[in-house]
Amino acid sequence: MKYLYSIIGFLIIVLSQAFVMKSSTGQNIASLRIEITNARASYFGVHPFLYDSIIVLKNDMPFRTLDGKKAVHTLSPLDTGRYTIRYKSIYKKEESILIHISTYKPYNITVCADSLDYKKETYIPIIDQLREKESYTIAMQSSGCFILNLTP
């Protein structure tokens, strides 16, 4: 029975130390988890990745370069500051995410590899470029074997 109390006491000490874990400088540790996702992954099982590397800036200065083909990155330990995640989407558009690390805690961000910010795009669809009395025709053809079943 006294061994049981010793084991319980030891576990309490170990667990309490784990919850108050500090870095060697005496500060709590801040970390940033960057996950690359893909909107098509849930539909087609496509592995999300970026074609180029991910550049991490700290206060507008180069901090780290990460492999865009790896789905998850964790940066730790981090100091407080302004971090910018820069990458090119699969559409070769320059994108960035700004994150302020103000407290020593874990942070998470998601980079969507196949997202496109339409507000930044200057592309005007053909239909919107038409002037008065102009038209646009879409011709479609379909072939195949179709089965028509009218019984419920």
Protein backbone atom coordinates (compact mmCIF):
# COMPACT_ATOMS: atom_id res chain seq x y z
CA MET A 1 0.00 0.00 0.00
CA LYS A 2 2.83 2.38 0.79
CA TYR A 3 4.27 1.68 -2.70
CA LEU A 4 0.95 2.76 -4.19
CA TYR A 5 1.16 6.11 -2.36
CA SER A 6 4.76 6.53 -3.54
CA ILE A 7 3.78 5.86 -7.15
CA ILE A 8 0.81 8.25 -6.93
CA GLY A 9 3.01 10.95 -5.38
CA PHE A 10 5.65 10.48 -8.07
CA LEU A 11 3.02 10.72 -10.84
CA ILE A 12 1.56 13.91 -9.33
CA ILE A 13 5.02 15.52 -9.28
CA VAL A 14 5.82 14.45 -12.86
CA LEU A 15 2.46 15.59 -14.22
CA SER A 16 2.58 18.93 -12.44
CA GLN A 17 6.04 19.58 -13.91
CA ALA A 18 4.77 18.69 -17.40
CA PHE A 19 2.02 21.31 -17.19
CA VAL A 20 4.42 24.05 -16.14
CA MET A 21 7.05 23.23 -18.76
CA LYS A 22 9.27 26.19 -19.55
CA SER A 23 12.02 26.75 -22.06
CA SER A 24 15.63 27.15 -20.99
CA THR A 25 15.15 30.94 -20.86
CA GLY A 26 12.37 30.54 -18.28
CA GLN A 27 9.59 31.59 -20.68
CA ASN A 28 6.67 29.56 -21.95
CA ILE A 29 7.11 28.25 -25.48
CA ALA A 30 5.20 29.66 -28.47
CA SER A 31 4.81 27.44 -31.51
CA LEU A 32 3.19 27.74 -34.91
CA ARG A 33 1.67 24.77 -36.72
CA ILE A 34 1.20 25.32 -40.46
CA GLU A 35 -1.04 22.83 -42.24
CA ILE A 36 -1.39 22.75 -46.02
CA THR A 37 -4.86 21.74 -47.12
CA ASN A 38 -6.60 21.40 -50.43
CA ALA A 39 -10.32 21.95 -51.08
CA ARG A 40 -10.33 18.99 -53.47
CA ALA A 41 -8.74 16.56 -51.00
CA SER A 42 -12.02 15.63 -49.35
CA TYR A 43 -13.66 14.89 -52.71
CA PHE A 44 -10.90 13.20 -54.68
CA GLY A 45 -8.38 12.11 -52.06
CA VAL A 46 -5.80 14.46 -53.58
CA HIS A 47 -2.75 15.00 -51.36
CA PRO A 48 -2.44 18.76 -50.71
CA PHE A 49 0.85 20.42 -51.57
CA LEU A 50 2.29 23.63 -52.94
CA TYR A 51 4.64 23.57 -55.90
CA ASP A 52 7.05 26.06 -54.38
CA SER A 53 8.49 26.54 -50.94
CA ILE A 54 6.85 28.45 -48.12
CA ILE A 55 8.77 31.49 -46.88
CA VAL A 56 8.31 32.57 -43.28
CA LEU A 57 9.19 36.16 -42.40
CA LYS A 58 9.58 37.50 -38.89
CA ASN A 59 9.00 41.25 -38.64
CA ASP A 60 9.48 41.47 -42.46
CA MET A 61 12.88 39.73 -42.33
CA PRO A 62 13.53 36.21 -43.71
CA PHE A 63 13.14 33.66 -40.93
CA ARG A 64 12.72 30.17 -42.44
CA THR A 65 12.04 28.42 -45.73
CA LEU A 66 9.76 25.37 -45.63
CA ASP A 67 9.14 22.59 -48.14
CA GLY A 68 5.78 23.13 -49.89
CA LYS A 69 5.34 19.42 -50.53
CA LYS A 70 5.20 18.56 -46.84
CA ALA A 71 1.63 18.77 -45.48
CA VAL A 72 2.40 19.89 -41.89
CA HIS A 73 5.15 22.08 -40.45
CA THR A 74 5.72 23.08 -36.83
CA LEU A 75 7.89 26.05 -35.91
CA SER A 76 9.03 26.02 -32.30
CA PRO A 77 10.18 27.76 -30.14
CA LEU A 78 9.11 31.18 -31.39
CA ASP A 79 9.50 34.64 -29.92
CA THR A 80 6.68 37.15 -29.97
CA GLY A 81 6.41 39.23 -33.13
CA ARG A 82 4.72 39.55 -36.48
CA TYR A 83 5.14 36.53 -38.75
CA THR A 84 4.20 36.44 -42.43
CA ILE A 85 3.69 33.19 -44.31
CA ARG A 86 4.33 33.69 -48.05
CA TYR A 87 3.64 31.09 -50.70
CA LYS A 88 2.42 30.63 -54.25
CA SER A 89 -0.90 28.83 -54.70
CA ILE A 90 -1.30 26.10 -57.29
CA TYR A 91 -2.45 28.93 -59.61
CA LYS A 92 1.01 30.57 -59.24
CA LYS A 93 -0.51 33.52 -57.38
CA GLU A 94 1.51 35.10 -54.58
CA GLU A 95 -0.41 34.74 -51.30
CA SER A 96 0.43 35.70 -47.73
CA ILE A 97 -0.96 35.14 -44.26
CA LEU A 98 -0.09 37.48 -41.39
CA ILE A 99 -0.06 36.17 -37.82
CA HIS A 100 0.80 38.07 -34.65
CA ILE A 101 2.41 35.94 -31.95
CA SER A 102 1.72 37.95 -28.81
CA THR A 103 1.62 35.28 -26.11
CA TYR A 104 3.54 32.09 -25.51
CA LYS A 105 1.05 29.47 -26.64
CA PRO A 106 0.49 27.17 -29.63
CA TYR A 107 -0.84 28.85 -32.80
CA ASN A 108 -2.35 27.09 -35.82
CA ILE A 109 -2.88 28.31 -39.37
CA THR A 110 -4.14 26.60 -42.49
CA VAL A 111 -2.79 27.27 -45.96
CA CYS A 112 -5.29 26.29 -48.66
CA ALA A 113 -3.17 25.39 -51.69
CA ASP A 114 -5.98 25.68 -54.23
CA SER A 115 -7.74 28.81 -53.00
CA LEU A 116 -8.00 31.94 -55.12
CA ASP A 117 -8.85 35.42 -53.83
CA TYR A 118 -11.27 36.62 -56.50
CA LYS A 119 -11.27 40.17 -55.11
CA LYS A 120 -7.62 40.55 -56.12
CA GLU A 121 -8.20 39.23 -59.65
CA THR A 122 -8.48 41.65 -62.57
CA TYR A 123 -9.88 39.01 -64.92
CA ILE A 124 -13.22 39.93 -66.45
CA PRO A 125 -15.27 36.99 -67.75
CA ILE A 126 -16.10 37.03 -71.48
CA ILE A 127 -19.81 37.37 -70.78
CA ASP A 128 -19.14 40.58 -68.82
CA GLN A 129 -17.05 41.97 -71.69
CA LEU A 130 -19.90 41.81 -74.19
CA ARG A 131 -21.25 45.09 -75.50
CA GLU A 132 -24.79 45.82 -76.55
CA LYS A 133 -26.02 43.58 -79.40
CA GLU A 134 -23.03 41.22 -79.07
CA SER A 135 -23.59 37.58 -78.24
CA TYR A 136 -21.69 34.60 -76.99
CA THR A 137 -22.53 31.05 -77.95
CA ILE A 138 -21.71 27.92 -76.01
CA ALA A 139 -21.94 24.80 -78.18
CA MET A 140 -22.11 21.44 -76.45
CA GLN A 141 -22.21 17.89 -77.69
CA SER A 142 -22.80 14.74 -75.78
CA SER A 143 -22.59 11.15 -76.82
CA GLY A 144 -22.95 7.94 -74.95
CA CYS A 145 -25.29 5.20 -73.96
CA PHE A 146 -28.24 6.40 -71.89
CA ILE A 147 -30.84 4.22 -70.23
CA LEU A 148 -34.25 5.71 -69.69
CA ASN A 149 -36.25 4.01 -66.96
CA LEU A 150 -39.73 5.44 -66.54
CA THR A 151 -41.05 2.96 -64.00
CA PRO A 152 -40.87 4.06 -60.36
